[in-house]
Amino acid sequence: VQLQASGGGLVEAGGSLRLSCAASGGTFSDYAVAWFRQAPGKEREFVSGISWRSNIRYADSVKGRFTISRDNTEKMVYMQMNSLKPEDTAVYYCAARSYASSYWIPQDFRYWGQGTQVTVSS
C-alpha cells in the first residue's frame, strides 16, 4: 500500500488543522493506520492509531484534542487536531501495517507516507 499525507501548515496556538492520509493499492480495510510525528532532534513518536476494526488509541499528550477516523470506502484516514500547542510542532507521518499488534511503535509499521509539516506558533 502507498500512503500520501497532507494537510499540514502553519497555525497559531489554539488553532486547528486536519491531516489526511490517502492510501492506494492493497486492501485498505485490512490495515491498521497510525499517525506518528517527529520534531527536530527528537525520536519519532506515536500520536494516534486506528485498527481495521476502528479501535482507536491516542498518545496521552493528544487525548481530548486530536481525533482519528477512517473511511475505508475512500481509503482515507484523517486526524482532526484541535487546541494545537507549540509542542505539537513536528513532521507528521501516516503509517500502515497489515497485522494486529498491541504495540503502536514505528518498528511495527512497514508502510509510510512522506510526512507533512505542522508548525504551531505561540
N, C-alpha and C. Protein backbone atom coordinates (compact mmCIF):
# COMPACT_ATOMS: atom_id res chain seq x y z
N VAL A 1 0.84 -1.18 0.00
CA VAL A 1 0.00 0.00 0.00
C VAL A 1 0.88 1.24 0.00
N GLN A 2 0.45 2.26 -0.73
CA GLN A 2 1.18 3.54 -0.76
C GLN A 2 0.35 4.57 0.00
N LEU A 3 1.05 5.42 0.73
CA LEU A 3 0.38 6.41 1.58
C LEU A 3 0.84 7.82 1.20
N GLN A 4 -0.09 8.76 1.26
CA GLN A 4 0.20 10.15 0.96
C GLN A 4 -0.43 11.01 2.05
N ALA A 5 0.42 11.67 2.85
CA ALA A 5 -0.08 12.54 3.91
C ALA A 5 -0.18 13.98 3.42
N SER A 6 -1.19 14.68 3.90
CA SER A 6 -1.35 16.08 3.53
C SER A 6 -2.12 16.82 4.63
N GLY A 7 -2.17 18.13 4.51
CA GLY A 7 -2.99 18.92 5.43
C GLY A 7 -2.21 19.71 6.46
N GLY A 8 -0.90 19.56 6.48
CA GLY A 8 -0.10 20.33 7.42
C GLY A 8 -0.07 21.80 7.07
N GLY A 9 0.50 22.58 7.96
CA GLY A 9 0.60 24.01 7.72
C GLY A 9 1.04 24.76 8.95
N LEU A 10 0.94 26.07 8.87
CA LEU A 10 1.29 26.95 9.98
C LEU A 10 0.01 27.45 10.63
N VAL A 11 -0.08 27.31 11.93
CA VAL A 11 -1.28 27.73 12.65
C VAL A 11 -0.87 28.32 14.00
N GLU A 12 -1.67 29.23 14.50
CA GLU A 12 -1.40 29.80 15.82
C GLU A 12 -1.83 28.83 16.92
N ALA A 13 -1.22 28.96 18.07
CA ALA A 13 -1.61 28.14 19.22
C ALA A 13 -3.11 28.29 19.48
N GLY A 14 -3.76 27.17 19.74
CA GLY A 14 -5.21 27.16 19.94
C GLY A 14 -5.99 26.88 18.67
N GLY A 15 -5.30 26.89 17.55
CA GLY A 15 -5.96 26.65 16.28
C GLY A 15 -6.13 25.19 15.97
N SER A 16 -6.62 24.92 14.76
CA SER A 16 -6.93 23.55 14.34
C SER A 16 -6.38 23.27 12.95
N LEU A 17 -6.11 22.01 12.72
CA LEU A 17 -5.75 21.51 11.41
C LEU A 17 -6.33 20.11 11.26
N ARG A 18 -6.56 19.72 10.02
CA ARG A 18 -6.98 18.34 9.77
C ARG A 18 -5.99 17.71 8.80
N LEU A 19 -5.34 16.66 9.24
CA LEU A 19 -4.43 15.91 8.39
C LEU A 19 -5.19 14.80 7.69
N SER A 20 -4.77 14.52 6.47
CA SER A 20 -5.36 13.45 5.69
C SER A 20 -4.27 12.48 5.25
N CYS A 21 -4.63 11.22 5.19
CA CYS A 21 -3.72 10.18 4.70
C CYS A 21 -4.47 9.39 3.65
N ALA A 22 -4.03 9.51 2.41
CA ALA A 22 -4.68 8.81 1.30
C ALA A 22 -3.89 7.55 0.98
N ALA A 23 -4.60 6.46 0.85
CA ALA A 23 -3.97 5.17 0.56
C ALA A 23 -4.31 4.72 -0.83
N SER A 24 -3.38 4.02 -1.45
CA SER A 24 -3.64 3.39 -2.74
C SER A 24 -2.97 2.03 -2.75
N GLY A 25 -3.58 1.10 -3.49
CA GLY A 25 -3.06 -0.25 -3.51
C GLY A 25 -3.45 -1.00 -2.26
N GLY A 26 -3.41 -2.29 -2.30
CA GLY A 26 -3.73 -3.10 -1.14
C GLY A 26 -5.21 -3.08 -0.81
N THR A 27 -5.58 -3.86 0.19
CA THR A 27 -6.95 -3.87 0.70
C THR A 27 -6.95 -3.01 1.95
N PHE A 28 -7.26 -1.75 1.76
CA PHE A 28 -7.08 -0.76 2.82
C PHE A 28 -7.80 -1.15 4.11
N SER A 29 -8.96 -1.75 4.00
CA SER A 29 -9.73 -2.07 5.20
C SER A 29 -9.04 -3.11 6.07
N ASP A 30 -8.04 -3.80 5.54
CA ASP A 30 -7.30 -4.79 6.32
C ASP A 30 -6.16 -4.18 7.13
N TYR A 31 -5.88 -2.91 6.93
CA TYR A 31 -4.71 -2.28 7.54
C TYR A 31 -5.06 -1.46 8.77
N ALA A 32 -4.19 -1.55 9.76
CA ALA A 32 -4.20 -0.57 10.84
C ALA A 32 -3.37 0.63 10.38
N VAL A 33 -3.82 1.81 10.73
CA VAL A 33 -3.14 3.03 10.32
C VAL A 33 -2.87 3.89 11.55
N ALA A 34 -1.71 4.51 11.55
CA ALA A 34 -1.33 5.35 12.68
C ALA A 34 -0.71 6.64 12.18
N TRP A 35 -0.76 7.62 13.04
CA TRP A 35 -0.03 8.87 12.84
C TRP A 35 1.13 8.90 13.83
N PHE A 36 2.29 9.22 13.33
CA PHE A 36 3.47 9.47 14.14
C PHE A 36 3.94 10.89 13.85
N ARG A 37 4.76 11.40 14.72
CA ARG A 37 5.35 12.71 14.48
C ARG A 37 6.79 12.72 14.94
N GLN A 38 7.55 13.61 14.32
CA GLN A 38 8.96 13.73 14.68
C GLN A 38 9.33 15.20 14.68
N ALA A 39 9.73 15.69 15.84
CA ALA A 39 10.21 17.05 15.98
C ALA A 39 11.72 17.06 15.81
N PRO A 40 12.30 18.19 15.45
CA PRO A 40 13.76 18.26 15.26
C PRO A 40 14.51 17.81 16.50
N GLY A 41 15.46 16.92 16.31
CA GLY A 41 16.28 16.44 17.41
C GLY A 41 15.61 15.43 18.32
N LYS A 42 14.40 15.01 17.95
CA LYS A 42 13.68 14.06 18.79
C LYS A 42 13.36 12.79 18.01
N GLU A 43 13.05 11.74 18.75
CA GLU A 43 12.68 10.49 18.10
C GLU A 43 11.24 10.57 17.58
N ARG A 44 10.99 9.73 16.61
CA ARG A 44 9.62 9.65 16.09
C ARG A 44 8.72 9.05 17.16
N GLU A 45 7.56 9.66 17.37
CA GLU A 45 6.67 9.20 18.43
C GLU A 45 5.26 8.95 17.91
N PHE A 46 4.59 8.02 18.56
CA PHE A 46 3.22 7.68 18.23
C PHE A 46 2.28 8.81 18.64
N VAL A 47 1.31 9.10 17.80
CA VAL A 47 0.32 10.13 18.09
C VAL A 47 -1.08 9.51 18.22
N SER A 48 -1.51 8.79 17.20
CA SER A 48 -2.82 8.16 17.24
C SER A 48 -2.84 6.99 16.27
N GLY A 49 -3.76 6.06 16.52
CA GLY A 49 -3.85 4.90 15.66
C GLY A 49 -5.26 4.37 15.60
N ILE A 50 -5.58 3.73 14.48
CA ILE A 50 -6.91 3.16 14.31
C ILE A 50 -6.76 1.81 13.64
N SER A 51 -7.32 0.78 14.25
CA SER A 51 -7.20 -0.57 13.72
C SER A 51 -8.18 -0.78 12.57
N TRP A 52 -8.08 -1.96 11.96
CA TRP A 52 -9.01 -2.26 10.87
C TRP A 52 -10.44 -2.38 11.37
N ARG A 53 -10.58 -2.64 12.70
CA ARG A 53 -11.91 -2.68 13.31
C ARG A 53 -12.31 -1.32 13.87
N SER A 54 -11.49 -0.33 13.62
CA SER A 54 -11.73 1.04 14.13
C SER A 54 -11.57 1.16 15.63
N ASN A 55 -10.78 0.26 16.23
CA ASN A 55 -10.34 0.51 17.61
C ASN A 55 -9.31 1.61 17.57
N ILE A 56 -9.38 2.51 18.52
CA ILE A 56 -8.58 3.74 18.46
C ILE A 56 -7.70 3.88 19.68
N ARG A 57 -6.48 4.39 19.45
CA ARG A 57 -5.55 4.69 20.51
C ARG A 57 -4.98 6.08 20.30
N TYR A 58 -4.71 6.75 21.42
CA TYR A 58 -4.08 8.07 21.38
C TYR A 58 -2.91 8.12 22.35
N ALA A 59 -1.93 8.91 21.99
CA ALA A 59 -0.90 9.25 22.96
C ALA A 59 -1.52 10.15 24.02
N ASP A 60 -1.03 10.04 25.25
CA ASP A 60 -1.60 10.85 26.33
C ASP A 60 -1.52 12.34 26.02
N SER A 61 -0.49 12.73 25.31
CA SER A 61 -0.26 14.16 25.06
C SER A 61 -1.31 14.77 24.14
N VAL A 62 -2.07 13.95 23.42
CA VAL A 62 -3.04 14.49 22.48
C VAL A 62 -4.48 14.09 22.80
N LYS A 63 -4.67 13.30 23.83
CA LYS A 63 -6.03 12.87 24.20
C LYS A 63 -6.91 14.07 24.47
N GLY A 64 -8.12 14.02 23.92
CA GLY A 64 -9.06 15.11 24.11
C GLY A 64 -8.87 16.26 23.14
N ARG A 65 -7.79 16.25 22.37
CA ARG A 65 -7.54 17.32 21.41
C ARG A 65 -7.53 16.82 19.97
N PHE A 66 -7.04 15.60 19.78
CA PHE A 66 -6.93 15.03 18.43
C PHE A 66 -7.97 13.92 18.28
N THR A 67 -8.47 13.78 17.06
CA THR A 67 -9.43 12.72 16.75
C THR A 67 -9.05 12.05 15.44
N ILE A 68 -8.87 10.74 15.49
CA ILE A 68 -8.54 9.99 14.29
C ILE A 68 -9.80 9.28 13.79
N SER A 69 -9.90 9.19 12.47
CA SER A 69 -11.04 8.50 11.87
C SER A 69 -10.59 7.91 10.54
N ARG A 70 -11.40 6.99 10.03
CA ARG A 70 -11.06 6.39 8.75
C ARG A 70 -12.31 6.21 7.90
N ASP A 71 -12.10 6.24 6.60
CA ASP A 71 -13.16 5.99 5.62
C ASP A 71 -12.62 4.93 4.68
N ASN A 72 -13.00 3.69 4.91
CA ASN A 72 -12.46 2.60 4.11
C ASN A 72 -12.91 2.68 2.66
N THR A 73 -14.09 3.22 2.42
CA THR A 73 -14.57 3.34 1.04
C THR A 73 -13.67 4.28 0.24
N GLU A 74 -13.30 5.37 0.84
CA GLU A 74 -12.44 6.36 0.17
C GLU A 74 -10.95 6.08 0.39
N LYS A 75 -10.63 5.07 1.20
CA LYS A 75 -9.23 4.74 1.51
C LYS A 75 -8.52 5.93 2.12
N MET A 76 -9.17 6.51 3.11
CA MET A 76 -8.62 7.70 3.76
C MET A 76 -8.61 7.53 5.27
N VAL A 77 -7.60 8.12 5.89
CA VAL A 77 -7.56 8.28 7.34
C VAL A 77 -7.35 9.75 7.63
N TYR A 78 -8.07 10.25 8.61
CA TYR A 78 -8.00 11.66 8.97
C TYR A 78 -7.58 11.80 10.42
N MET A 79 -6.97 12.91 10.71
CA MET A 79 -6.71 13.26 12.11
C MET A 79 -7.05 14.74 12.29
N GLN A 80 -8.11 14.99 13.01
CA GLN A 80 -8.51 16.35 13.36
C GLN A 80 -7.72 16.77 14.58
N MET A 81 -7.02 17.87 14.48
CA MET A 81 -6.18 18.36 15.57
C MET A 81 -6.73 19.71 16.03
N ASN A 82 -7.21 19.75 17.25
CA ASN A 82 -7.75 20.98 17.83
C ASN A 82 -6.88 21.43 18.99
N SER A 83 -7.06 22.67 19.40
CA SER A 83 -6.33 23.23 20.55
C SER A 83 -4.84 22.97 20.41
N LEU A 84 -4.32 23.27 19.25
CA LEU A 84 -2.91 22.98 18.98
C LEU A 84 -1.99 23.81 19.86
N LYS A 85 -0.88 23.20 20.21
CA LYS A 85 0.12 23.81 21.07
C LYS A 85 1.45 23.89 20.33
N PRO A 86 2.31 24.80 20.72
CA PRO A 86 3.63 24.86 20.07
C PRO A 86 4.38 23.53 20.13
N GLU A 87 4.18 22.76 21.18
CA GLU A 87 4.88 21.47 21.30
C GLU A 87 4.33 20.42 20.35
N ASP A 88 3.25 20.71 19.64
CA ASP A 88 2.75 19.82 18.60
C ASP A 88 3.50 20.01 17.28
N THR A 89 4.37 21.00 17.23
CA THR A 89 5.14 21.24 16.02
C THR A 89 6.03 20.05 15.69
N ALA A 90 5.89 19.54 14.48
CA ALA A 90 6.64 18.35 14.06
C ALA A 90 6.27 18.03 12.62
N VAL A 91 7.01 17.09 12.05
CA VAL A 91 6.59 16.47 10.80
C VAL A 91 5.72 15.28 11.17
N TYR A 92 4.54 15.23 10.59
CA TYR A 92 3.59 14.17 10.89
C TYR A 92 3.57 13.16 9.74
N TYR A 93 3.64 11.89 10.11
CA TYR A 93 3.67 10.80 9.15
C TYR A 93 2.48 9.88 9.39
N CYS A 94 1.88 9.41 8.32
CA CYS A 94 0.94 8.32 8.48
C CYS A 94 1.64 7.02 8.08
N ALA A 95 1.24 5.95 8.74
CA ALA A 95 1.88 4.66 8.53
C ALA A 95 0.83 3.56 8.62
N ALA A 96 1.10 2.44 7.98
CA ALA A 96 0.13 1.34 7.96
C ALA A 96 0.82 0.00 8.17
N ARG A 97 0.06 -0.92 8.75
CA ARG A 97 0.53 -2.29 8.88
C ARG A 97 -0.64 -3.21 8.61
N SER A 98 -0.34 -4.43 8.20
CA SER A 98 -1.39 -5.35 7.76
C SER A 98 -1.67 -6.43 8.78
N TYR A 99 -1.14 -6.28 10.01
CA TYR A 99 -1.39 -7.32 11.01
C TYR A 99 -1.75 -6.65 12.33
N ALA A 100 -2.38 -7.45 13.20
CA ALA A 100 -2.79 -6.93 14.50
C ALA A 100 -1.62 -6.95 15.46
N SER A 101 -1.53 -5.92 16.28
CA SER A 101 -0.48 -5.83 17.28
C SER A 101 -0.95 -4.93 18.40
N SER A 102 -0.46 -5.22 19.59
CA SER A 102 -0.79 -4.37 20.73
C SER A 102 0.13 -3.16 20.80
N TYR A 103 1.16 -3.14 19.95
CA TYR A 103 2.15 -2.09 20.03
C TYR A 103 1.97 -1.08 18.91
N TRP A 104 2.06 0.17 19.27
CA TRP A 104 1.98 1.25 18.30
C TRP A 104 3.32 1.97 18.30
N ILE A 105 4.29 1.29 17.69
CA ILE A 105 5.65 1.79 17.62
C ILE A 105 6.08 1.81 16.16
N PRO A 106 6.98 2.71 15.79
CA PRO A 106 7.36 2.83 14.38
C PRO A 106 7.85 1.51 13.76
N GLN A 107 8.55 0.72 14.57
CA GLN A 107 9.13 -0.53 14.04
C GLN A 107 8.07 -1.52 13.59
N ASP A 108 6.85 -1.36 14.06
CA ASP A 108 5.77 -2.28 13.70
C ASP A 108 5.05 -1.90 12.42
N PHE A 109 5.47 -0.79 11.79
CA PHE A 109 4.77 -0.29 10.61
C PHE A 109 5.69 -0.36 9.41
N ARG A 110 5.19 -1.06 8.40
CA ARG A 110 6.00 -1.28 7.20
C ARG A 110 5.84 -0.17 6.17
N TYR A 111 4.65 0.41 6.10
CA TYR A 111 4.33 1.36 5.03
C TYR A 111 4.23 2.77 5.61
N TRP A 112 4.90 3.71 4.93
CA TRP A 112 4.96 5.09 5.43
C TRP A 112 4.66 6.08 4.33
N GLY A 113 3.96 7.15 4.72
CA GLY A 113 3.80 8.29 3.83
C GLY A 113 5.00 9.21 3.95
N GLN A 114 5.00 10.28 3.18
CA GLN A 114 6.17 11.14 3.09
C GLN A 114 6.26 12.20 4.18
N GLY A 115 5.22 12.38 4.97
CA GLY A 115 5.26 13.38 6.03
C GLY A 115 4.71 14.72 5.61
N THR A 116 4.09 15.40 6.56
CA THR A 116 3.58 16.74 6.33
C THR A 116 3.92 17.60 7.55
N GLN A 117 4.42 18.80 7.31
CA GLN A 117 4.91 19.66 8.38
C GLN A 117 3.75 20.38 9.07
N VAL A 118 3.73 20.31 10.38
CA VAL A 118 2.79 21.09 11.20
C VAL A 118 3.61 22.02 12.08
N THR A 119 3.34 23.29 11.98
CA THR A 119 4.03 24.29 12.79
C THR A 119 3.00 25.10 13.55
N VAL A 120 3.15 25.13 14.87
CA VAL A 120 2.23 25.87 15.72
C VAL A 120 3.00 27.01 16.37
N SER A 121 2.59 28.22 16.08
CA SER A 121 3.27 29.38 16.63
C SER A 121 2.63 29.80 17.95
N SER A 122 3.45 30.33 18.84
CA SER A 122 2.95 30.74 20.16
C SER A 122 2.46 32.18 20.14
